[in-house]
Each structure stands twice: as structure tokens, then as C-alpha cells.
């Protein structure tokens, strides 16, 4: 788990100053969101936590979007 944190912090410390200096605030926001998702996923993977497959997640999203209430 310590390796996940170390690698993710290195990525963060390299990318954030570059984006901040170039005033790419929107890209910084997107990077932060994707970095957070990657950090959570990598942490759960390192902890060997049970994760749903991509197909399960897509089926769940599709079932929610494709729902039509009766009436």
C-alpha cells in the first residue's frame, strides 16, 4: 500500500505544478478528478478488496439510465 501512495504522490507532485504554472485550471480540475479515481482504485486493488467488473458497472449504469417508470 505504501508503494501506491508513493507513486501517486510522485505523479501529483510532477503534474500539478506544471498545470498550475501554465494556468490550465480546467485541466487541473479534470486531472484532480481522474487522479482521485485512480488513487481509490489503486488503493482498493492493493488492499485486495473485491471490486466489481467493468461490465457489472456498465450494466448497472445502463439499467438506471434505461429505466422508464410505468404510466
PDB file of N, CA and C in Angstrom:
ATOM      1  N   UNK A   1       0.820  -1.196   0.000  1.00  0.00           N
ATOM      2  CA  UNK A   1       0.000   0.000   0.000  1.00  0.00           C
ATOM      3  C   UNK A   1       0.862   1.258   0.000  1.00  0.00           C
ATOM      4  N   UNK A   2       2.003   1.202   0.658  1.00  0.00           N
ATOM      5  CA  UNK A   2       2.875   2.370   0.715  1.00  0.00           C
ATOM      6  C   UNK A   2       3.409   2.725  -0.677  1.00  0.00           C
ATOM      7  N   UNK A   3       3.579   1.703  -1.519  1.00  0.00           N
ATOM      8  CA  UNK A   3       4.055   1.967  -2.880  1.00  0.00           C
ATOM      9  C   UNK A   3       3.002   2.698  -3.697  1.00  0.00           C
ATOM     10  N   UNK A   4       1.769   2.367  -3.497  1.00  0.00           N
ATOM     11  CA  UNK A   4       0.683   3.052  -4.210  1.00  0.00           C
ATOM     12  C   UNK A   4       0.674   4.529  -3.825  1.00  0.00           C
ATOM     13  N   UNK A   5       0.763   4.794  -2.544  1.00  0.00           N
ATOM     14  CA  UNK A   5       0.755   6.183  -2.088  1.00  0.00           C
ATOM     15  C   UNK A   5       1.973   6.931  -2.616  1.00  0.00           C
ATOM     16  N   UNK A   6       3.138   6.297  -2.586  1.00  0.00           N
ATOM     17  CA  UNK A   6       4.359   6.953  -3.051  1.00  0.00           C
ATOM     18  C   UNK A   6       4.285   7.282  -4.540  1.00  0.00           C
ATOM     19  N   UNK A   7       3.851   6.327  -5.333  1.00  0.00           N
ATOM     20  CA  UNK A   7       3.775   6.551  -6.785  1.00  0.00           C
ATOM     21  C   UNK A   7       2.742   7.618  -7.118  1.00  0.00           C
ATOM     22  N   UNK A   8       1.600   7.557  -6.453  1.00  0.00           N
ATOM     23  CA  UNK A   8       0.560   8.549  -6.732  1.00  0.00           C
ATOM     24  C   UNK A   8       0.999   9.956  -6.299  1.00  0.00           C
ATOM     25  N   UNK A   9       1.726  10.058  -5.207  1.00  0.00           N
ATOM     26  CA  UNK A   9       2.225  11.371  -4.786  1.00  0.00           C
ATOM     27  C   UNK A   9       3.273  11.920  -5.751  1.00  0.00           C
ATOM     28  N   UNK A  10       4.117  11.046  -6.286  1.00  0.00           N
ATOM     29  CA  UNK A  10       5.105  11.489  -7.277  1.00  0.00           C
ATOM     30  C   UNK A  10       4.396  12.034  -8.508  1.00  0.00           C
ATOM     31  N   UNK A  11       3.385  11.316  -8.979  1.00  0.00           N
ATOM     32  CA  UNK A  11       2.616  11.787 -10.137  1.00  0.00           C
ATOM     33  C   UNK A  11       1.983  13.133  -9.829  1.00  0.00           C
ATOM     34  N   UNK A  12       1.406  13.252  -8.648  1.00  0.00           N
ATOM     35  CA  UNK A  12       0.761  14.502  -8.261  1.00  0.00           C
ATOM     36  C   UNK A  12       1.761  15.647  -8.186  1.00  0.00           C
ATOM     37  N   UNK A  13       2.915  15.405  -7.586  1.00  0.00           N
ATOM     38  CA  UNK A  13       3.913  16.458  -7.427  1.00  0.00           C
ATOM     39  C   UNK A  13       4.565  16.876  -8.748  1.00  0.00           C
ATOM     40  N   UNK A  14       4.540  16.011  -9.726  1.00  0.00           N
ATOM     41  CA  UNK A  14       5.087  16.361 -11.038  1.00  0.00           C
ATOM     42  C   UNK A  14       4.070  17.132 -11.873  1.00  0.00           C
ATOM     43  N   UNK A  15       2.841  16.663 -11.898  1.00  0.00           N
ATOM     44  CA  UNK A  15       1.840  17.225 -12.811  1.00  0.00           C
ATOM     45  C   UNK A  15       1.188  18.515 -12.334  1.00  0.00           C
ATOM     46  N   UNK A  16       0.884  18.614 -11.052  1.00  0.00           N
ATOM     47  CA  UNK A  16       0.139  19.777 -10.563  1.00  0.00           C
ATOM     48  C   UNK A  16       0.901  21.082 -10.769  1.00  0.00           C
ATOM     49  N   UNK A  17       2.193  21.187 -10.433  1.00  0.00           N
ATOM     50  CA  UNK A  17       2.882  22.464 -10.676  1.00  0.00           C
ATOM     51  C   UNK A  17       2.933  22.850 -12.153  1.00  0.00           C
ATOM     52  N   UNK A  18       3.066  21.867 -13.023  1.00  0.00           N
ATOM     53  CA  UNK A  18       3.102  22.160 -14.463  1.00  0.00           C
ATOM     54  C   UNK A  18       1.764  22.748 -14.904  1.00  0.00           C
ATOM     55  N   UNK A  19       0.679  22.136 -14.502  1.00  0.00           N
ATOM     56  CA  UNK A  19      -0.643  22.633 -14.887  1.00  0.00           C
ATOM     57  C   UNK A  19      -0.939  23.981 -14.235  1.00  0.00           C
ATOM     58  N   UNK A  20      -0.499  24.159 -13.010  1.00  0.00           N
ATOM     59  CA  UNK A  20      -0.761  25.419 -12.318  1.00  0.00           C
ATOM     60  C   UNK A  20       0.030  26.566 -12.942  1.00  0.00           C
ATOM     61  N   UNK A  21       1.298  26.302 -13.280  1.00  0.00           N
ATOM     62  CA  UNK A  21       2.124  27.354 -13.904  1.00  0.00           C
ATOM     63  C   UNK A  21       1.596  27.760 -15.265  1.00  0.00           C
ATOM     64  N   UNK A  22       1.040  26.814 -16.007  1.00  0.00           N
ATOM     65  CA  UNK A  22       0.521  27.141 -17.335  1.00  0.00           C
ATOM     66  C   UNK A  22      -0.914  27.669 -17.274  1.00  0.00           C
ATOM     67  N   UNK A  23      -1.432  27.842 -16.056  1.00  0.00           N
ATOM     68  CA  UNK A  23      -2.786  28.369 -15.824  1.00  0.00           C
ATOM     69  C   UNK A  23      -3.856  27.525 -16.506  1.00  0.00           C
ATOM     70  N   UNK A  24      -3.641  26.242 -16.530  1.00  0.00           N
ATOM     71  CA  UNK A  24      -4.602  25.309 -17.115  1.00  0.00           C
ATOM     72  C   UNK A  24      -5.510  24.803 -15.997  1.00  0.00           C
ATOM     73  N   UNK A  25      -6.364  25.679 -15.521  1.00  0.00           N
ATOM     74  CA  UNK A  25      -7.171  25.361 -14.350  1.00  0.00           C
ATOM     75  C   UNK A  25      -8.225  24.294 -14.643  1.00  0.00           C
ATOM     76  N   UNK A  26      -8.797  24.329 -15.819  1.00  0.00           N
ATOM     77  CA  UNK A  26      -9.792  23.310 -16.159  1.00  0.00           C
ATOM     78  C   UNK A  26      -9.138  21.938 -16.265  1.00  0.00           C
ATOM     79  N   UNK A  27      -7.974  21.885 -16.898  1.00  0.00           N
ATOM     80  CA  UNK A  27      -7.250  20.624 -16.989  1.00  0.00           C
ATOM     81  C   UNK A  27      -6.808  20.150 -15.607  1.00  0.00           C
ATOM     82  N   UNK A  28      -6.471  21.091 -14.735  1.00  0.00           N
ATOM     83  CA  UNK A  28      -6.100  20.747 -13.366  1.00  0.00           C
ATOM     84  C   UNK A  28      -7.277  20.127 -12.625  1.00  0.00           C
ATOM     85  N   UNK A  29      -8.460  20.651 -12.846  1.00  0.00           N
ATOM     86  CA  UNK A  29      -9.659  20.088 -12.243  1.00  0.00           C
ATOM     87  C   UNK A  29      -9.912  18.667 -12.750  1.00  0.00           C
ATOM     88  N   UNK A  30      -9.831  18.472 -14.058  1.00  0.00           N
ATOM     89  CA  UNK A  30     -10.025  17.135 -14.630  1.00  0.00           C
ATOM     90  C   UNK A  30      -8.941  16.177 -14.156  1.00  0.00           C
ATOM     91  N   UNK A  31      -7.709  16.654 -14.124  1.00  0.00           N
ATOM     92  CA  UNK A  31      -6.613  15.817 -13.640  1.00  0.00           C
ATOM     93  C   UNK A  31      -6.855  15.400 -12.202  1.00  0.00           C
ATOM     94  N   UNK A  32      -7.282  16.331 -11.366  1.00  0.00           N
ATOM     95  CA  UNK A  32      -7.546  16.018  -9.971  1.00  0.00           C
ATOM     96  C   UNK A  32      -8.641  14.971  -9.813  1.00  0.00           C
ATOM     97  N   UNK A  33      -9.696  15.095 -10.608  1.00  0.00           N
ATOM     98  CA  UNK A  33     -10.786  14.121 -10.550  1.00  0.00           C
ATOM     99  C   UNK A  33     -10.308  12.739 -10.986  1.00  0.00           C
ATOM    100  N   UNK A  34      -9.605  12.673 -12.115  1.00  0.00           N
ATOM    101  CA  UNK A  34      -9.114  11.380 -12.599  1.00  0.00           C
ATOM    102  C   UNK A  34      -8.041  10.805 -11.692  1.00  0.00           C
ATOM    103  N   UNK A  35      -7.196  11.668 -11.126  1.00  0.00           N
ATOM    104  CA  UNK A  35      -6.169  11.207 -10.193  1.00  0.00           C
ATOM    105  C   UNK A  35      -6.815  10.593  -8.956  1.00  0.00           C
ATOM    106  N   UNK A  36      -7.868  11.234  -8.459  1.00  0.00           N
ATOM    107  CA  UNK A  36      -8.565  10.708  -7.286  1.00  0.00           C
ATOM    108  C   UNK A  36      -9.192   9.349  -7.585  1.00  0.00           C
ATOM    109  N   UNK A  37      -9.825   9.218  -8.745  1.00  0.00           N
ATOM    110  CA  UNK A  37     -10.383   7.920  -9.128  1.00  0.00           C
ATOM    111  C   UNK A  37      -9.298   6.856  -9.226  1.00  0.00           C
ATOM    112  N   UNK A  38      -8.182   7.201  -9.839  1.00  0.00           N
ATOM    113  CA  UNK A  38      -7.085   6.245  -9.977  1.00  0.00           C
ATOM    114  C   UNK A  38      -6.503   5.881  -8.619  1.00  0.00           C
ATOM    115  N   UNK A  39      -6.400   6.845  -7.720  1.00  0.00           N
ATOM    116  CA  UNK A  39      -5.872   6.586  -6.387  1.00  0.00           C
ATOM    117  C   UNK A  39      -6.776   5.634  -5.612  1.00  0.00           C
ATOM    118  N   UNK A  40      -8.070   5.872  -5.670  1.00  0.00           N
ATOM    119  CA  UNK A  40      -9.015   4.998  -4.960  1.00  0.00           C
ATOM    120  C   UNK A  40      -8.972   3.592  -5.542  1.00  0.00           C
ATOM    121  N   UNK A  41      -8.983   3.485  -6.866  1.00  0.00           N
ATOM    122  CA  UNK A  41      -8.946   2.170  -7.499  1.00  0.00           C
ATOM    123  C   UNK A  41      -7.641   1.437  -7.171  1.00  0.00           C
ATOM    124  N   UNK A  42      -6.527   2.131  -7.246  1.00  0.00           N
ATOM    125  CA  UNK A  42      -5.235   1.507  -6.939  1.00  0.00           C
ATOM    126  C   UNK A  42      -5.154   1.097  -5.474  1.00  0.00           C
ATOM    127  N   UNK A  43      -5.719   1.900  -4.599  1.00  0.00           N
ATOM    128  CA  UNK A  43      -5.710   1.561  -3.176  1.00  0.00           C
ATOM    129  C   UNK A  43      -6.533   0.308  -2.907  1.00  0.00           C
ATOM    130  N   UNK A  44      -7.728   0.244  -3.492  1.00  0.00           N
ATOM    131  CA  UNK A  44      -8.557  -0.951  -3.311  1.00  0.00           C
ATOM    132  C   UNK A  44      -7.899  -2.183  -3.911  1.00  0.00           C
ATOM    133  N   UNK A  45      -7.241  -2.014  -5.035  1.00  0.00           N
ATOM    134  CA  UNK A  45      -6.547  -3.137  -5.659  1.00  0.00           C
ATOM    135  C   UNK A  45      -5.385  -3.595  -4.781  1.00  0.00           C
ATOM    136  N   UNK A  46      -4.643  -2.663  -4.221  1.00  0.00           N
ATOM    137  CA  UNK A  46      -3.512  -3.018  -3.353  1.00  0.00           C
ATOM    138  C   UNK A  46      -3.981  -3.706  -2.072  1.00  0.00           C
ATOM    139  N   UNK A  47      -5.154  -3.338  -1.598  1.00  0.00           N
ATOM    140  CA  UNK A  47      -5.707  -3.960  -0.401  1.00  0.00           C
ATOM    141  C   UNK A  47      -6.441  -5.267  -0.699  1.00  0.00           C
ATOM    142  N   UNK A  48      -6.471  -5.636  -1.973  1.00  0.00           N
ATOM    143  CA  UNK A  48      -7.151  -6.847  -2.431  1.00  0.00           C
ATOM    144  C   UNK A  48      -8.630  -6.860  -2.055  1.00  0.00           C
ATOM    145  N   UNK A  49      -9.240  -5.704  -2.138  1.00  0.00           N
ATOM    146  CA  UNK A  49     -10.670  -5.584  -1.862  1.00  0.00           C
ATOM    147  C   UNK A  49     -11.455  -6.076  -3.087  1.00  0.00           C
ATOM    148  N   UNK A  50     -12.604  -6.692  -2.862  1.00  0.00           N
ATOM    149  CA  UNK A  50     -13.406  -7.144  -4.011  1.00  0.00           C
ATOM    150  C   UNK A  50     -13.975  -5.945  -4.764  1.00  0.00           C
ATOM    151  N   UNK A  51     -13.716  -5.892  -6.044  1.00  0.00           N
ATOM    152  CA  UNK A  51     -14.192  -4.799  -6.889  1.00  0.00           C
ATOM    153  C   UNK A  51     -15.106  -5.350  -7.977  1.00  0.00           C
ATOM    154  N   UNK A  52     -16.129  -4.603  -8.355  1.00  0.00           N
ATOM    155  CA  UNK A  52     -16.979  -5.064  -9.451  1.00  0.00           C
ATOM    156  C   UNK A  52     -16.223  -4.955 -10.778  1.00  0.00           C
ATOM    157  N   UNK A  53     -16.622  -5.792 -11.710  1.00  0.00           N
ATOM    158  CA  UNK A  53     -16.001  -5.719 -13.032  1.00  0.00           C
ATOM    159  C   UNK A  53     -16.567  -4.520 -13.783  1.00  0.00           C
ATOM    160  N   UNK A  54     -15.894  -4.158 -14.842  1.00  0.00           N
ATOM    161  CA  UNK A  54     -16.347  -3.031 -15.659  1.00  0.00           C
ATOM    162  C   UNK A  54     -17.711  -3.342 -16.253  1.00  0.00           C
ATOM    163  N   UNK A  55     -17.926  -4.571 -16.648  1.00  0.00           N
ATOM    164  CA  UNK A  55     -19.210  -4.975 -17.230  1.00  0.00           C
ATOM    165  C   UNK A  55     -20.326  -4.811 -16.200  1.00  0.00           C
ATOM    166  N   UNK A  56     -20.076  -5.192 -14.955  1.00  0.00           N
ATOM    167  CA  UNK A  56     -21.088  -5.017 -13.906  1.00  0.00           C
ATOM    168  C   UNK A  56     -21.438  -3.547 -13.711  1.00  0.00           C
ATOM    169  N   UNK A  57     -20.435  -2.693 -13.700  1.00  0.00           N
ATOM    170  CA  UNK A  57     -20.671  -1.258 -13.518  1.00  0.00           C
ATOM    171  C   UNK A  57     -21.460  -0.698 -14.695  1.00  0.00           C
ATOM    172  N   UNK A  58     -21.091  -1.072 -15.909  1.00  0.00           N
ATOM    173  CA  UNK A  58     -21.812  -0.577 -17.090  1.00  0.00           C
ATOM    174  C   UNK A  58     -23.249  -1.088 -17.132  1.00  0.00           C
ATOM    175  N   UNK A  59     -23.464  -2.333 -16.748  1.00  0.00           N
ATOM    176  CA  UNK A  59     -24.829  -2.857 -16.694  1.00  0.00           C
ATOM    177  C   UNK A  59     -25.657  -2.110 -15.664  1.00  0.00           C
ATOM    178  N   UNK A  60     -25.079  -1.782 -14.538  1.00  0.00           N
ATOM    179  CA  UNK A  60     -25.803  -1.027 -13.523  1.00  0.00           C
ATOM    180  C   UNK A  60     -26.165   0.367 -14.042  1.00  0.00           C
ATOM    181  N   UNK A  61     -25.203   1.046 -14.653  1.00  0.00           N
ATOM    182  CA  UNK A  61     -25.467   2.392 -15.187  1.00  0.00           C
ATOM    183  C   UNK A  61     -26.536   2.333 -16.264  1.00  0.00           C
ATOM    184  N   UNK A  62     -26.437   1.363 -17.158  1.00  0.00           N
ATOM    185  CA  UNK A  62     -27.410   1.238 -18.235  1.00  0.00           C
ATOM    186  C   UNK A  62     -28.800   0.936 -17.686  1.00  0.00           C
ATOM    187  N   UNK A  63     -28.881   0.099 -16.663  1.00  0.00           N
ATOM    188  CA  UNK A  63     -30.194  -0.223 -16.091  1.00  0.00           C
ATOM    189  C   UNK A  63     -30.822   1.014 -15.438  1.00  0.00           C
ATOM    190  N   UNK A  64     -30.005   1.899 -14.890  1.00  0.00           N
ATOM    191  CA  UNK A  64     -30.536   3.115 -14.273  1.00  0.00           C
ATOM    192  C   UNK A  64     -30.963   4.145 -15.313  1.00  0.00           C
ATOM    193  N   UNK A  65     -30.196   4.237 -16.391  1.00  0.00           N
ATOM    194  CA  UNK A  65     -30.499   5.211 -17.439  1.00  0.00           C
ATOM    195  C   UNK A  65     -31.687   4.738 -18.271  1.00  0.00           C
ATOM    196  N   UNK A  66     -31.785   3.444 -18.477  1.00  0.00           N
ATOM    197  CA  UNK A  66     -32.798   2.876 -19.356  1.00  0.00           C
ATOM    198  C   UNK A  66     -34.116   2.602 -18.630  1.00  0.00           C
ATOM    199  N   UNK A  67     -34.259   3.030 -17.408  1.00  0.00           N
ATOM    200  CA  UNK A  67     -35.466   2.773 -16.634  1.00  0.00           C
ATOM    201  C   UNK A  67     -36.567   3.755 -17.032  1.00  0.00           C
ATOM    202  N   UNK A  68     -37.704   3.213 -17.371  1.00  0.00           N
ATOM    203  CA  UNK A  68     -38.863   4.039 -17.679  1.00  0.00           C
ATOM    204  C   UNK A  68     -39.963   3.697 -16.690  1.00  0.00           C
ATOM    205  N   UNK A  69     -40.380   4.653 -15.873  1.00  0.00           N
ATOM    206  CA  UNK A  69     -41.425   4.342 -14.893  1.00  0.00           C
ATOM    207  C   UNK A  69     -42.764   4.074 -15.593  1.00  0.00           C
ATOM    208  N   UNK A  70     -43.575   3.199 -15.023  1.00  0.00           N
ATOM    209  CA  UNK A  70     -44.867   2.905 -15.646  1.00  0.00           C
ATOM    210  C   UNK A  70     -45.792   4.105 -15.584  1.00  0.00           C
ATOM    211  N   UNK A  71     -46.625   4.204 -16.587  1.00  0.00           N
ATOM    212  CA  UNK A  71     -47.605   5.277 -16.528  1.00  0.00           C
ATOM    213  C   UNK A  71     -47.684   6.001 -17.765  1.00  0.00           C
TER     214      UNK A  71
END
